[in-house]
Amino acid sequence: MMHHQVAVEARFNPETLERVLRVVRHRGFQVCAMNMELATDARNINIELTVASPRPVDLLFSQLNKLIDVARVEIQQQTTSSQQISA
């Protein structure tokens, strides 16, 4: 199973994190680690996800980009399950 580190920058709204997690689940990915923090301007959030799936990460990337509050999605790293991952 492949692990992917994904960075998401989005507008801060109470439902934004829920939407991101729903897309991750609907696309067949499992969240292995997650970190979210307010950006310095306090209007945006930065979400760091480590997700796992045998499916191509491009499926997740394209769907996250379609979310209305998401400004940027970046796939930072891909590893196999035998390598160690830090989030």
PDB file of N, CA and C in Angstrom:
ATOM      1  N   MET A   1       0.849  -1.179   0.000  1.00  0.00           N
ATOM      2  CA  MET A   1       0.000   0.000   0.000  1.00  0.00           C
ATOM      3  C   MET A   1       0.892   1.239   0.000  1.00  0.00           C
ATOM      4  N   MET A   2       0.533   2.196  -0.813  1.00  0.00           N
ATOM      5  CA  MET A   2       1.311   3.429  -0.913  1.00  0.00           C
ATOM      6  C   MET A   2       0.835   4.452   0.112  1.00  0.00           C
ATOM      7  N   HIS A   3       1.798   5.162   0.703  1.00  0.00           N
ATOM      8  CA  HIS A   3       1.508   6.265   1.611  1.00  0.00           C
ATOM      9  C   HIS A   3       1.872   7.563   0.892  1.00  0.00           C
ATOM     10  N   HIS A   4       1.053   8.567   1.081  1.00  0.00           N
ATOM     11  CA  HIS A   4       1.265   9.857   0.429  1.00  0.00           C
ATOM     12  C   HIS A   4       1.134  10.965   1.467  1.00  0.00           C
ATOM     13  N   GLN A   5       2.014  11.941   1.385  1.00  0.00           N
ATOM     14  CA  GLN A   5       1.887  13.121   2.237  1.00  0.00           C
ATOM     15  C   GLN A   5       1.294  14.230   1.377  1.00  0.00           C
ATOM     16  N   VAL A   6       0.200  14.788   1.871  1.00  0.00           N
ATOM     17  CA  VAL A   6      -0.568  15.777   1.131  1.00  0.00           C
ATOM     18  C   VAL A   6      -0.685  17.047   1.970  1.00  0.00           C
ATOM     19  N   ALA A   7      -0.403  18.184   1.352  1.00  0.00           N
ATOM     20  CA  ALA A   7      -0.559  19.479   2.015  1.00  0.00           C
ATOM     21  C   ALA A   7      -1.738  20.202   1.370  1.00  0.00           C
ATOM     22  N   VAL A   8      -2.620  20.718   2.210  1.00  0.00           N
ATOM     23  CA  VAL A   8      -3.804  21.438   1.732  1.00  0.00           C
ATOM     24  C   VAL A   8      -3.839  22.800   2.401  1.00  0.00           C
ATOM     25  N   GLU A   9      -3.993  23.836   1.596  1.00  0.00           N
ATOM     26  CA  GLU A   9      -4.202  25.191   2.113  1.00  0.00           C
ATOM     27  C   GLU A   9      -5.627  25.584   1.760  1.00  0.00           C
ATOM     28  N   ALA A  10      -6.389  26.002   2.773  1.00  0.00           N
ATOM     29  CA  ALA A  10      -7.801  26.297   2.548  1.00  0.00           C
ATOM     30  C   ALA A  10      -8.257  27.461   3.416  1.00  0.00           C
ATOM     31  N   ARG A  11      -9.398  28.020   3.046  1.00  0.00           N
ATOM     32  CA  ARG A  11     -10.024  29.052   3.866  1.00  0.00           C
ATOM     33  C   ARG A  11     -10.528  28.440   5.157  1.00  0.00           C
ATOM     34  N   PHE A  12     -10.424  29.188   6.236  1.00  0.00           N
ATOM     35  CA  PHE A  12     -10.889  28.678   7.521  1.00  0.00           C
ATOM     36  C   PHE A  12     -12.395  28.844   7.633  1.00  0.00           C
ATOM     37  N   ASN A  13     -13.081  27.728   7.631  1.00  0.00           N
ATOM     38  CA  ASN A  13     -14.509  27.627   7.896  1.00  0.00           C
ATOM     39  C   ASN A  13     -14.700  26.388   8.760  1.00  0.00           C
ATOM     40  N   PRO A  14     -15.695  26.367   9.624  1.00  0.00           N
ATOM     41  CA  PRO A  14     -15.890  25.205  10.499  1.00  0.00           C
ATOM     42  C   PRO A  14     -16.036  23.886   9.739  1.00  0.00           C
ATOM     43  N   GLU A  15     -16.609  23.922   8.550  1.00  0.00           N
ATOM     44  CA  GLU A  15     -16.874  22.691   7.812  1.00  0.00           C
ATOM     45  C   GLU A  15     -15.747  22.272   6.861  1.00  0.00           C
ATOM     46  N   THR A  16     -14.716  23.072   6.706  1.00  0.00           N
ATOM     47  CA  THR A  16     -13.664  22.768   5.736  1.00  0.00           C
ATOM     48  C   THR A  16     -12.953  21.459   6.040  1.00  0.00           C
ATOM     49  N   LEU A  17     -12.542  21.254   7.268  1.00  0.00           N
ATOM     50  CA  LEU A  17     -11.841  20.022   7.629  1.00  0.00           C
ATOM     51  C   LEU A  17     -12.733  18.807   7.403  1.00  0.00           C
ATOM     52  N   GLU A  18     -14.003  18.921   7.731  1.00  0.00           N
ATOM     53  CA  GLU A  18     -14.936  17.812   7.504  1.00  0.00           C
ATOM     54  C   GLU A  18     -15.046  17.468   6.024  1.00  0.00           C
ATOM     55  N   ARG A  19     -15.089  18.487   5.173  1.00  0.00           N
ATOM     56  CA  ARG A  19     -15.175  18.249   3.730  1.00  0.00           C
ATOM     57  C   ARG A  19     -13.929  17.540   3.211  1.00  0.00           C
ATOM     58  N   VAL A  20     -12.770  17.985   3.657  1.00  0.00           N
ATOM     59  CA  VAL A  20     -11.514  17.363   3.220  1.00  0.00           C
ATOM     60  C   VAL A  20     -11.497  15.892   3.635  1.00  0.00           C
ATOM     61  N   LEU A  21     -11.844  15.611   4.885  1.00  0.00           N
ATOM     62  CA  LEU A  21     -11.836  14.232   5.363  1.00  0.00           C
ATOM     63  C   LEU A  21     -12.861  13.364   4.638  1.00  0.00           C
ATOM     64  N   ARG A  22     -13.996  13.932   4.297  1.00  0.00           N
ATOM     65  CA  ARG A  22     -15.014  13.178   3.559  1.00  0.00           C
ATOM     66  C   ARG A  22     -14.510  12.797   2.169  1.00  0.00           C
ATOM     67  N   VAL A  23     -13.850  13.726   1.498  1.00  0.00           N
ATOM     68  CA  VAL A  23     -13.299  13.435   0.172  1.00  0.00           C
ATOM     69  C   VAL A  23     -12.234  12.344   0.268  1.00  0.00           C
ATOM     70  N   VAL A  24     -11.381  12.430   1.274  1.00  0.00           N
ATOM     71  CA  VAL A  24     -10.346  11.409   1.475  1.00  0.00           C
ATOM     72  C   VAL A  24     -11.002  10.033   1.618  1.00  0.00           C
ATOM     73  N   ARG A  25     -12.018   9.935   2.430  1.00  0.00           N
ATOM     74  CA  ARG A  25     -12.712   8.659   2.652  1.00  0.00           C
ATOM     75  C   ARG A  25     -13.431   8.180   1.402  1.00  0.00           C
ATOM     76  N   HIS A  26     -14.150   9.070   0.726  1.00  0.00           N
ATOM     77  CA  HIS A  26     -14.914   8.684  -0.464  1.00  0.00           C
ATOM     78  C   HIS A  26     -14.009   8.228  -1.601  1.00  0.00           C
ATOM     79  N   ARG A  27     -12.804   8.717  -1.660  1.00  0.00           N
ATOM     80  CA  ARG A  27     -11.858   8.335  -2.718  1.00  0.00           C
ATOM     81  C   ARG A  27     -11.068   7.084  -2.359  1.00  0.00           C
ATOM     82  N   GLY A  28     -11.362   6.471  -1.226  1.00  0.00           N
ATOM     83  CA  GLY A  28     -10.748   5.205  -0.868  1.00  0.00           C
ATOM     84  C   GLY A  28      -9.395   5.310  -0.186  1.00  0.00           C
ATOM     85  N   PHE A  29      -9.132   6.433   0.460  1.00  0.00           N
ATOM     86  CA  PHE A  29      -7.880   6.631   1.177  1.00  0.00           C
ATOM     87  C   PHE A  29      -8.128   6.568   2.676  1.00  0.00           C
ATOM     88  N   GLN A  30      -7.123   6.110   3.389  1.00  0.00           N
ATOM     89  CA  GLN A  30      -7.185   6.031   4.847  1.00  0.00           C
ATOM     90  C   GLN A  30      -6.235   7.084   5.418  1.00  0.00           C
ATOM     91  N   VAL A  31      -6.701   7.861   6.392  1.00  0.00           N
ATOM     92  CA  VAL A  31      -5.857   8.855   7.043  1.00  0.00           C
ATOM     93  C   VAL A  31      -4.978   8.146   8.072  1.00  0.00           C
ATOM     94  N   CYS A  32      -3.657   8.261   7.898  1.00  0.00           N
ATOM     95  CA  CYS A  32      -2.699   7.664   8.830  1.00  0.00           C
ATOM     96  C   CYS A  32      -2.217   8.691   9.855  1.00  0.00           C
ATOM     97  N   ALA A  33      -2.117   9.946   9.435  1.00  0.00           N
ATOM     98  CA  ALA A  33      -1.698  11.029  10.320  1.00  0.00           C
ATOM     99  C   ALA A  33      -2.258  12.338   9.769  1.00  0.00           C
ATOM    100  N   MET A  34      -2.508  13.284  10.690  1.00  0.00           N
ATOM    101  CA  MET A  34      -3.076  14.551  10.259  1.00  0.00           C
ATOM    102  C   MET A  34      -2.646  15.655  11.214  1.00  0.00           C
ATOM    103  N   ASN A  35      -2.367  16.821  10.660  1.00  0.00           N
ATOM    104  CA  ASN A  35      -2.057  18.000  11.457  1.00  0.00           C
ATOM    105  C   ASN A  35      -2.716  19.196  10.787  1.00  0.00           C
ATOM    106  N   MET A  36      -3.394  20.014  11.584  1.00  0.00           N
ATOM    107  CA  MET A  36      -4.031  21.214  11.053  1.00  0.00           C
ATOM    108  C   MET A  36      -3.675  22.380  11.944  1.00  0.00           C
ATOM    109  N   GLU A  37      -3.379  23.523  11.313  1.00  0.00           N
ATOM    110  CA  GLU A  37      -3.102  24.729  12.094  1.00  0.00           C
ATOM    111  C   GLU A  37      -3.570  25.949  11.325  1.00  0.00           C
ATOM    112  N   LEU A  38      -3.860  26.996  12.075  1.00  0.00           N
ATOM    113  CA  LEU A  38      -4.228  28.263  11.455  1.00  0.00           C
ATOM    114  C   LEU A  38      -3.013  28.878  10.796  1.00  0.00           C
ATOM    115  N   ALA A  39      -3.208  29.472   9.649  1.00  0.00           N
ATOM    116  CA  ALA A  39      -2.135  30.206   8.991  1.00  0.00           C
ATOM    117  C   ALA A  39      -1.911  31.515   9.738  1.00  0.00           C
ATOM    118  N   THR A  40      -0.848  32.199   9.420  1.00  0.00           N
ATOM    119  CA  THR A  40      -0.508  33.432  10.137  1.00  0.00           C
ATOM    120  C   THR A  40      -1.566  34.511   9.986  1.00  0.00           C
ATOM    121  N   ASP A  41      -2.323  34.485   8.902  1.00  0.00           N
ATOM    122  CA  ASP A  41      -3.355  35.514   8.703  1.00  0.00           C
ATOM    123  C   ASP A  41      -4.674  35.176   9.413  1.00  0.00           C
ATOM    124  N   ALA A  42      -4.787  33.991   9.999  1.00  0.00           N
ATOM    125  CA  ALA A  42      -5.957  33.517  10.755  1.00  0.00           C
ATOM    126  C   ALA A  42      -7.218  33.400   9.895  1.00  0.00           C
ATOM    127  N   ARG A  43      -7.108  33.566   8.587  1.00  0.00           N
ATOM    128  CA  ARG A  43      -8.245  33.373   7.690  1.00  0.00           C
ATOM    129  C   ARG A  43      -8.136  32.059   6.926  1.00  0.00           C
ATOM    130  N   ASN A  44      -6.964  31.453   6.977  1.00  0.00           N
ATOM    131  CA  ASN A  44      -6.710  30.211   6.258  1.00  0.00           C
ATOM    132  C   ASN A  44      -6.202  29.151   7.225  1.00  0.00           C
ATOM    133  N   ILE A  45      -6.283  27.905   6.787  1.00  0.00           N
ATOM    134  CA  ILE A  45      -5.713  26.800   7.552  1.00  0.00           C
ATOM    135  C   ILE A  45      -4.774  26.011   6.649  1.00  0.00           C
ATOM    136  N   ASN A  46      -3.812  25.381   7.286  1.00  0.00           N
ATOM    137  CA  ASN A  46      -2.903  24.470   6.599  1.00  0.00           C
ATOM    138  C   ASN A  46      -3.143  23.086   7.178  1.00  0.00           C
ATOM    139  N   ILE A  47      -3.422  22.139   6.300  1.00  0.00           N
ATOM    140  CA  ILE A  47      -3.691  20.770   6.706  1.00  0.00           C
ATOM    141  C   ILE A  47      -2.612  19.874   6.097  1.00  0.00           C
ATOM    142  N   GLU A  48      -1.954  19.101   6.937  1.00  0.00           N
ATOM    143  CA  GLU A  48      -0.959  18.122   6.489  1.00  0.00           C
ATOM    144  C   GLU A  48      -1.551  16.738   6.737  1.00  0.00           C
ATOM    145  N   LEU A  49      -1.666  15.949   5.694  1.00  0.00           N
ATOM    146  CA  LEU A  49      -2.240  14.608   5.798  1.00  0.00           C
ATOM    147  C   LEU A  49      -1.245  13.566   5.321  1.00  0.00           C
ATOM    148  N   THR A  50      -1.191  12.457   6.005  1.00  0.00           N
ATOM    149  CA  THR A  50      -0.530  11.266   5.491  1.00  0.00           C
ATOM    150  C   THR A  50      -1.645  10.267   5.253  1.00  0.00           C
ATOM    151  N   VAL A  51      -1.810   9.864   3.999  1.00  0.00           N
ATOM    152  CA  VAL A  51      -2.889   8.962   3.626  1.00  0.00           C
ATOM    153  C   VAL A  51      -2.306   7.704   2.988  1.00  0.00           C
ATOM    154  N   ALA A  52      -3.067   6.621   3.063  1.00  0.00           N
ATOM    155  CA  ALA A  52      -2.626   5.355   2.486  1.00  0.00           C
ATOM    156  C   ALA A  52      -3.734   4.770   1.619  1.00  0.00           C
ATOM    157  N   SER A  53      -3.314   4.198   0.487  1.00  0.00           N
ATOM    158  CA  SER A  53      -4.252   3.537  -0.406  1.00  0.00           C
ATOM    159  C   SER A  53      -3.478   2.876  -1.532  1.00  0.00           C
ATOM    160  N   PRO A  54      -4.001   1.785  -2.071  1.00  0.00           N
ATOM    161  CA  PRO A  54      -3.395   1.227  -3.280  1.00  0.00           C
ATOM    162  C   PRO A  54      -3.792   2.026  -4.526  1.00  0.00           C
ATOM    163  N   ARG A  55      -4.739   2.932  -4.379  1.00  0.00           N
ATOM    164  CA  ARG A  55      -5.237   3.726  -5.507  1.00  0.00           C
ATOM    165  C   ARG A  55      -4.281   4.865  -5.830  1.00  0.00           C
ATOM    166  N   PRO A  56      -4.280   5.371  -7.059  1.00  0.00           N
ATOM    167  CA  PRO A  56      -3.418   6.496  -7.429  1.00  0.00           C
ATOM    168  C   PRO A  56      -3.816   7.768  -6.678  1.00  0.00           C
ATOM    169  N   VAL A  57      -2.834   8.497  -6.195  1.00  0.00           N
ATOM    170  CA  VAL A  57      -3.089   9.712  -5.416  1.00  0.00           C
ATOM    171  C   VAL A  57      -3.670  10.821  -6.293  1.00  0.00           C
ATOM    172  N   ASP A  58      -3.532  10.721  -7.592  1.00  0.00           N
ATOM    173  CA  ASP A  58      -4.111  11.729  -8.491  1.00  0.00           C
ATOM    174  C   ASP A  58      -5.626  11.815  -8.343  1.00  0.00           C
ATOM    175  N   LEU A  59      -6.262  10.686  -8.012  1.00  0.00           N
ATOM    176  CA  LEU A  59      -7.716  10.692  -7.788  1.00  0.00           C
ATOM    177  C   LEU A  59      -8.077  11.603  -6.623  1.00  0.00           C
ATOM    178  N   LEU A  60      -7.301  11.546  -5.569  1.00  0.00           N
ATOM    179  CA  LEU A  60      -7.541  12.382  -4.399  1.00  0.00           C
ATOM    180  C   LEU A  60      -7.193  13.834  -4.689  1.00  0.00           C
ATOM    181  N   PHE A  61      -6.064  14.048  -5.337  1.00  0.00           N
ATOM    182  CA  PHE A  61      -5.586  15.396  -5.665  1.00  0.00           C
ATOM    183  C   PHE A  61      -6.640  16.181  -6.444  1.00  0.00           C
ATOM    184  N   SER A  62      -7.176  15.575  -7.497  1.00  0.00           N
ATOM    185  CA  SER A  62      -8.141  16.302  -8.338  1.00  0.00           C
ATOM    186  C   SER A  62      -9.431  16.617  -7.592  1.00  0.00           C
ATOM    187  N   GLN A  63      -9.882  15.718  -6.718  1.00  0.00           N
ATOM    188  CA  GLN A  63     -11.121  15.969  -5.989  1.00  0.00           C
ATOM    189  C   GLN A  63     -10.942  17.015  -4.892  1.00  0.00           C
ATOM    190  N   LEU A  64      -9.792  17.003  -4.220  1.00  0.00           N
ATOM    191  CA  LEU A  64      -9.546  18.038  -3.204  1.00  0.00           C
ATOM    192  C   LEU A  64      -9.474  19.419  -3.831  1.00  0.00           C
ATOM    193  N   ASN A  65      -8.896  19.508  -5.015  1.00  0.00           N
ATOM    194  CA  ASN A  65      -8.806  20.796  -5.715  1.00  0.00           C
ATOM    195  C   ASN A  65     -10.173  21.358  -6.081  1.00  0.00           C
ATOM    196  N   LYS A  66     -11.168  20.516  -6.200  1.00  0.00           N
ATOM    197  CA  LYS A  66     -12.512  20.962  -6.567  1.00  0.00           C
ATOM    198  C   LYS A  66     -13.297  21.559  -5.400  1.00  0.00           C
ATOM    199  N   LEU A  67     -12.846  21.315  -4.170  1.00  0.00           N
ATOM    200  CA  LEU A  67     -13.565  21.844  -3.012  1.00  0.00           C
ATOM    201  C   LEU A  67     -13.517  23.368  -3.012  1.00  0.00           C
ATOM    202  N   ILE A  68     -14.620  23.985  -2.675  1.00  0.00           N
ATOM    203  CA  ILE A  68     -14.763  25.430  -2.799  1.00  0.00           C
ATOM    204  C   ILE A  68     -13.799  26.220  -1.896  1.00  0.00           C
ATOM    205  N   ASP A  69     -13.517  25.721  -0.717  1.00  0.00           N
ATOM    206  CA  ASP A  69     -12.658  26.457   0.213  1.00  0.00           C
ATOM    207  C   ASP A  69     -11.175  26.165   0.037  1.00  0.00           C
ATOM    208  N   VAL A  70     -10.831  25.197  -0.803  1.00  0.00           N
ATOM    209  CA  VAL A  70      -9.429  24.807  -0.969  1.00  0.00           C
ATOM    210  C   VAL A  70      -8.735  25.723  -1.971  1.00  0.00           C
ATOM    211  N   ALA A  71      -7.621  26.302  -1.529  1.00  0.00           N
ATOM    212  CA  ALA A  71      -6.843  27.190  -2.388  1.00  0.00           C
ATOM    213  C   ALA A  71      -5.694  26.461  -3.075  1.00  0.00           C
ATOM    214  N   ARG A  72      -5.116  25.444  -2.392  1.00  0.00           N
ATOM    215  CA  ARG A  72      -3.943  24.763  -2.943  1.00  0.00           C
ATOM    216  C   ARG A  72      -3.848  23.360  -2.366  1.00  0.00           C
ATOM    217  N   VAL A  73      -3.469  22.414  -3.223  1.00  0.00           N
ATOM    218  CA  VAL A  73      -3.194  21.035  -2.801  1.00  0.00           C
ATOM    219  C   VAL A  73      -1.835  20.666  -3.376  1.00  0.00           C
ATOM    220  N   GLU A  74      -1.009  20.057  -2.548  1.00  0.00           N
ATOM    221  CA  GLU A  74       0.322  19.650  -2.991  1.00  0.00           C
ATOM    222  C   GLU A  74       0.617  18.242  -2.476  1.00  0.00           C
ATOM    223  N   ILE A  75       1.039  17.376  -3.382  1.00  0.00           N
ATOM    224  CA  ILE A  75       1.484  16.044  -2.991  1.00  0.00           C
ATOM    225  C   ILE A  75       2.966  16.184  -2.688  1.00  0.00           C
ATOM    226  N   GLN A  76       3.332  15.995  -1.422  1.00  0.00           N
ATOM    227  CA  GLN A  76       4.699  16.265  -1.005  1.00  0.00           C
ATOM    228  C   GLN A  76       5.607  15.053  -1.109  1.00  0.00           C
ATOM    229  N   GLN A  77       5.094  13.851  -0.838  1.00  0.00           N
ATOM    230  CA  GLN A  77       5.960  12.682  -0.795  1.00  0.00           C
ATOM    231  C   GLN A  77       5.136  11.422  -0.968  1.00  0.00           C
ATOM    232  N   GLN A  78       5.741  10.418  -1.598  1.00  0.00           N
ATOM    233  CA  GLN A  78       5.120   9.110  -1.724  1.00  0.00           C
ATOM    234  C   GLN A  78       6.095   8.073  -1.203  1.00  0.00           C
ATOM    235  N   THR A  79       5.600   7.147  -0.405  1.00  0.00           N
ATOM    236  CA  THR A  79       6.441   6.070   0.106  1.00  0.00           C
ATOM    237  C   THR A  79       5.645   4.779   0.122  1.00  0.00           C
ATOM    238  N   THR A  80       6.349   3.676   0.179  1.00  0.00           N
ATOM    239  CA  THR A  80       5.671   2.391   0.341  1.00  0.00           C
ATOM    240  C   THR A  80       5.493   2.131   1.823  1.00  0.00           C
ATOM    241  N   SER A  81       4.680   1.180   2.172  1.00  0.00           N
ATOM    242  CA  SER A  81       4.381   0.927   3.581  1.00  0.00           C
ATOM    243  C   SER A  81       5.593   0.420   4.362  1.00  0.00           C
ATOM    244  N   SER A  82       6.625  -0.030   3.695  1.00  0.00           N
ATOM    245  CA  SER A  82       7.802  -0.525   4.398  1.00  0.00           C
ATOM    246  C   SER A  82       8.734   0.615   4.838  1.00  0.00           C
ATOM    247  N   GLN A  83       8.534   1.820   4.300  1.00  0.00           N
ATOM    248  CA  GLN A  83       9.332   2.965   4.707  1.00  0.00           C
ATOM    249  C   GLN A  83       8.636   3.712   5.816  1.00  0.00           C
ATOM    250  N   GLN A  84       9.416   4.394   6.642  1.00  0.00           N
ATOM    251  CA  GLN A  84       8.848   5.136   7.758  1.00  0.00           C
ATOM    252  C   GLN A  84       8.328   6.483   7.273  1.00  0.00           C
ATOM    253  N   ILE A  85       7.239   6.933   7.872  1.00  0.00           N
ATOM    254  CA  ILE A  85       6.607   8.183   7.486  1.00  0.00           C
ATOM    255  C   ILE A  85       6.500   9.088   8.701  1.00  0.00           C
ATOM    256  N   SER A  86       6.806  10.354   8.511  1.00  0.00           N
ATOM    257  CA  SER A  86       6.588  11.329   9.571  1.00  0.00           C
ATOM    258  C   SER A  86       5.679  12.414   9.046  1.00  0.00           C
ATOM    259  N   ALA A  87       4.726  12.833   9.853  1.00  0.00           N
ATOM    260  CA  ALA A  87       3.776  13.860   9.411  1.00  0.00           C
ATOM    261  C   ALA A  87       3.879  15.053  10.306  1.00  0.00           C
TER     262      ALA A  87
END
